[in-house]
Amino acid sequence: MLAKRTSKNQITLPKDIVKAFSDTEYFDVSIEGNRILLVPVKITPVGSTLEGVRDKMKRLGIAEQDVGEAIQWARGKKK
């Protein structure tokens, strides 16, 4: 599929692409080699983010101690 960049640097996505992501309003845009990469992003209210992270950690079986160990490991790598 082809998309054209306008004089205002806008690109219109083809209908088939838009249909595949009909419930997505925002995309994270990055460059990989010579490609433009669009990744769907879900925007969540500020207040619900921490609760969501805690719920996901619980579902994955990640304990508070695991987080501390991961932080120590990450900080150790930067030295």
N, C-alpha and C. Protein backbone atom coordinates (compact mmCIF):
# COMPACT_ATOMS: atom_id res chain seq x y z
N MET A 1 0.85 -1.19 0.00
CA MET A 1 0.00 0.00 0.00
C MET A 1 0.88 1.24 0.00
N LEU A 2 0.39 2.26 -0.60
CA LEU A 2 1.13 3.50 -0.71
C LEU A 2 0.48 4.59 0.12
N ALA A 3 1.31 5.45 0.71
CA ALA A 3 0.83 6.63 1.41
C ALA A 3 1.71 7.79 0.98
N LYS A 4 1.11 8.96 0.78
CA LYS A 4 1.85 10.12 0.31
C LYS A 4 1.98 11.15 1.43
N ARG A 5 3.17 11.72 1.55
CA ARG A 5 3.39 12.80 2.51
C ARG A 5 2.96 14.10 1.86
N THR A 6 2.18 14.90 2.57
CA THR A 6 1.70 16.16 2.03
C THR A 6 2.72 17.27 2.28
N SER A 7 2.42 18.45 1.75
CA SER A 7 3.32 19.60 1.94
C SER A 7 3.37 20.03 3.41
N LYS A 8 2.38 19.59 4.20
CA LYS A 8 2.35 19.90 5.64
C LYS A 8 2.89 18.75 6.47
N ASN A 9 3.64 17.83 5.82
CA ASN A 9 4.24 16.67 6.48
C ASN A 9 3.22 15.76 7.15
N GLN A 10 2.08 15.58 6.53
CA GLN A 10 1.06 14.67 7.04
C GLN A 10 0.96 13.47 6.11
N ILE A 11 0.69 12.31 6.71
CA ILE A 11 0.51 11.09 5.94
C ILE A 11 -0.86 10.52 6.27
N THR A 12 -1.63 10.21 5.24
CA THR A 12 -2.92 9.58 5.42
C THR A 12 -2.74 8.08 5.31
N LEU A 13 -3.17 7.36 6.33
CA LEU A 13 -3.04 5.90 6.30
C LEU A 13 -4.11 5.28 5.41
N PRO A 14 -3.77 4.24 4.66
CA PRO A 14 -4.76 3.56 3.83
C PRO A 14 -5.90 2.98 4.67
N LYS A 15 -7.10 2.89 4.08
CA LYS A 15 -8.29 2.42 4.79
C LYS A 15 -8.10 1.04 5.42
N ASP A 16 -7.45 0.13 4.72
CA ASP A 16 -7.25 -1.22 5.26
C ASP A 16 -6.42 -1.21 6.54
N ILE A 17 -5.44 -0.32 6.60
CA ILE A 17 -4.61 -0.20 7.79
C ILE A 17 -5.44 0.38 8.94
N VAL A 18 -6.19 1.43 8.65
CA VAL A 18 -7.01 2.07 9.67
C VAL A 18 -8.05 1.10 10.22
N LYS A 19 -8.64 0.28 9.37
CA LYS A 19 -9.63 -0.70 9.82
C LYS A 19 -9.03 -1.70 10.79
N ALA A 20 -7.77 -2.07 10.57
CA ALA A 20 -7.11 -3.03 11.46
C ALA A 20 -6.88 -2.45 12.86
N PHE A 21 -6.86 -1.12 12.96
CA PHE A 21 -6.62 -0.46 14.25
C PHE A 21 -7.75 0.53 14.53
N SER A 22 -8.98 0.10 14.32
CA SER A 22 -10.13 1.00 14.42
C SER A 22 -10.32 1.60 15.80
N ASP A 23 -9.89 0.92 16.84
CA ASP A 23 -10.06 1.45 18.20
C ASP A 23 -8.83 2.19 18.71
N THR A 24 -7.85 2.44 17.83
CA THR A 24 -6.61 3.10 18.23
C THR A 24 -6.62 4.55 17.75
N GLU A 25 -6.35 5.46 18.69
CA GLU A 25 -6.32 6.88 18.35
C GLU A 25 -4.89 7.41 18.29
N TYR A 26 -3.99 6.83 19.09
CA TYR A 26 -2.61 7.30 19.16
C TYR A 26 -1.63 6.20 18.78
N PHE A 27 -0.53 6.60 18.17
CA PHE A 27 0.54 5.69 17.79
C PHE A 27 1.87 6.27 18.25
N ASP A 28 2.76 5.41 18.73
CA ASP A 28 4.13 5.79 19.01
C ASP A 28 4.88 5.67 17.69
N VAL A 29 5.60 6.70 17.29
CA VAL A 29 6.28 6.71 16.00
C VAL A 29 7.79 6.66 16.24
N SER A 30 8.46 5.74 15.55
CA SER A 30 9.91 5.64 15.67
C SER A 30 10.49 5.20 14.32
N ILE A 31 11.81 5.20 14.26
CA ILE A 31 12.51 4.80 13.04
C ILE A 31 13.30 3.54 13.33
N GLU A 32 13.18 2.55 12.47
CA GLU A 32 13.96 1.32 12.54
C GLU A 32 14.64 1.15 11.19
N GLY A 33 15.94 1.42 11.15
CA GLY A 33 16.64 1.37 9.88
C GLY A 33 16.07 2.42 8.95
N ASN A 34 15.56 2.01 7.80
CA ASN A 34 14.97 2.97 6.87
C ASN A 34 13.44 2.87 6.85
N ARG A 35 12.87 2.43 7.97
CA ARG A 35 11.42 2.26 8.08
C ARG A 35 10.85 3.15 9.17
N ILE A 36 9.63 3.61 8.94
CA ILE A 36 8.87 4.32 9.97
C ILE A 36 8.00 3.29 10.65
N LEU A 37 8.10 3.21 11.97
CA LEU A 37 7.35 2.21 12.73
C LEU A 37 6.26 2.89 13.56
N LEU A 38 5.02 2.45 13.38
CA LEU A 38 3.89 2.96 14.16
C LEU A 38 3.42 1.86 15.10
N VAL A 39 3.40 2.14 16.39
CA VAL A 39 2.97 1.16 17.38
C VAL A 39 1.76 1.73 18.12
N PRO A 40 0.64 1.00 18.13
CA PRO A 40 -0.55 1.50 18.82
C PRO A 40 -0.27 1.76 20.30
N VAL A 41 -0.81 2.86 20.81
CA VAL A 41 -0.61 3.24 22.20
C VAL A 41 -1.98 3.47 22.83
N LYS A 42 -2.14 2.95 24.04
CA LYS A 42 -3.37 3.18 24.80
C LYS A 42 -3.06 4.21 25.87
N ILE A 43 -3.75 5.31 25.84
CA ILE A 43 -3.57 6.38 26.82
C ILE A 43 -4.50 6.09 28.00
N THR A 44 -3.93 6.07 29.20
CA THR A 44 -4.73 5.81 30.40
C THR A 44 -4.67 7.00 31.33
N PRO A 45 -5.71 7.21 32.11
CA PRO A 45 -5.70 8.30 33.08
C PRO A 45 -4.56 8.14 34.08
N VAL A 46 -4.02 9.25 34.54
CA VAL A 46 -2.88 9.22 35.45
C VAL A 46 -3.16 8.40 36.70
N GLY A 47 -4.31 8.54 37.29
CA GLY A 47 -4.62 7.85 38.54
C GLY A 47 -4.70 6.34 38.42
N SER A 48 -5.03 5.83 37.26
CA SER A 48 -5.21 4.38 37.13
C SER A 48 -3.93 3.65 36.74
N THR A 49 -2.90 4.34 36.37
CA THR A 49 -1.67 3.70 35.89
C THR A 49 -1.01 2.85 36.95
N LEU A 50 -0.77 3.38 38.13
CA LEU A 50 -0.09 2.65 39.19
C LEU A 50 -0.88 1.41 39.60
N GLU A 51 -2.16 1.56 39.71
CA GLU A 51 -3.01 0.42 40.09
C GLU A 51 -2.92 -0.68 39.03
N GLY A 52 -2.91 -0.28 37.78
CA GLY A 52 -2.79 -1.25 36.68
C GLY A 52 -1.47 -1.99 36.71
N VAL A 53 -0.39 -1.27 37.02
CA VAL A 53 0.93 -1.90 37.11
C VAL A 53 0.95 -2.90 38.26
N ARG A 54 0.40 -2.50 39.39
CA ARG A 54 0.37 -3.41 40.55
C ARG A 54 -0.44 -4.67 40.25
N ASP A 55 -1.58 -4.50 39.58
CA ASP A 55 -2.40 -5.66 39.21
C ASP A 55 -1.65 -6.60 38.27
N LYS A 56 -0.96 -6.03 37.30
CA LYS A 56 -0.21 -6.85 36.34
C LYS A 56 0.93 -7.58 37.04
N MET A 57 1.61 -6.90 37.96
CA MET A 57 2.69 -7.55 38.71
C MET A 57 2.14 -8.73 39.52
N LYS A 58 0.99 -8.54 40.11
CA LYS A 58 0.37 -9.60 40.90
C LYS A 58 0.02 -10.80 40.00
N ARG A 59 -0.56 -10.52 38.82
CA ARG A 59 -0.90 -11.59 37.89
C ARG A 59 0.34 -12.35 37.41
N LEU A 60 1.45 -11.64 37.25
CA LEU A 60 2.69 -12.26 36.78
C LEU A 60 3.49 -12.91 37.91
N GLY A 61 3.06 -12.72 39.14
CA GLY A 61 3.76 -13.31 40.27
C GLY A 61 5.05 -12.57 40.64
N ILE A 62 5.11 -11.28 40.33
CA ILE A 62 6.29 -10.47 40.66
C ILE A 62 6.08 -9.84 42.02
N ALA A 63 7.02 -10.11 42.93
CA ALA A 63 6.92 -9.60 44.30
C ALA A 63 7.72 -8.30 44.43
N GLU A 64 7.47 -7.58 45.51
CA GLU A 64 8.18 -6.33 45.77
C GLU A 64 9.69 -6.56 45.82
N GLN A 65 10.11 -7.69 46.38
CA GLN A 65 11.53 -8.03 46.46
C GLN A 65 12.14 -8.18 45.05
N ASP A 66 11.37 -8.74 44.13
CA ASP A 66 11.84 -8.90 42.75
C ASP A 66 12.14 -7.55 42.11
N VAL A 67 11.29 -6.57 42.40
CA VAL A 67 11.49 -5.23 41.84
C VAL A 67 12.77 -4.63 42.39
N GLY A 68 12.98 -4.77 43.69
CA GLY A 68 14.22 -4.27 44.31
C GLY A 68 15.46 -4.90 43.69
N GLU A 69 15.40 -6.20 43.47
CA GLU A 69 16.53 -6.90 42.86
C GLU A 69 16.76 -6.43 41.42
N ALA A 70 15.70 -6.19 40.70
CA ALA A 70 15.82 -5.71 39.32
C ALA A 70 16.44 -4.33 39.27
N ILE A 71 16.06 -3.48 40.22
CA ILE A 71 16.63 -2.13 40.28
C ILE A 71 18.12 -2.22 40.59
N GLN A 72 18.49 -3.05 41.54
CA GLN A 72 19.92 -3.24 41.87
C GLN A 72 20.69 -3.74 40.66
N TRP A 73 20.12 -4.71 39.94
CA TRP A 73 20.78 -5.25 38.75
C TRP A 73 20.97 -4.16 37.70
N ALA A 74 19.92 -3.36 37.45
CA ALA A 74 19.99 -2.31 36.44
C ALA A 74 21.00 -1.24 36.82
N ARG A 75 21.02 -0.86 38.08
CA ARG A 75 21.99 0.14 38.52
C ARG A 75 23.41 -0.38 38.45
N GLY A 76 23.58 -1.66 38.69
CA GLY A 76 24.91 -2.26 38.62
C GLY A 76 25.45 -2.28 37.21
N LYS A 77 24.59 -2.40 36.22
CA LYS A 77 25.01 -2.45 34.82
C LYS A 77 25.54 -1.11 34.33
N LYS A 78 25.09 -0.01 34.91
CA LYS A 78 25.49 1.31 34.44
C LYS A 78 26.87 1.72 34.92
N LYS A 79 27.40 1.04 35.92
CA LYS A 79 28.69 1.43 36.50
C LYS A 79 29.83 1.04 35.62
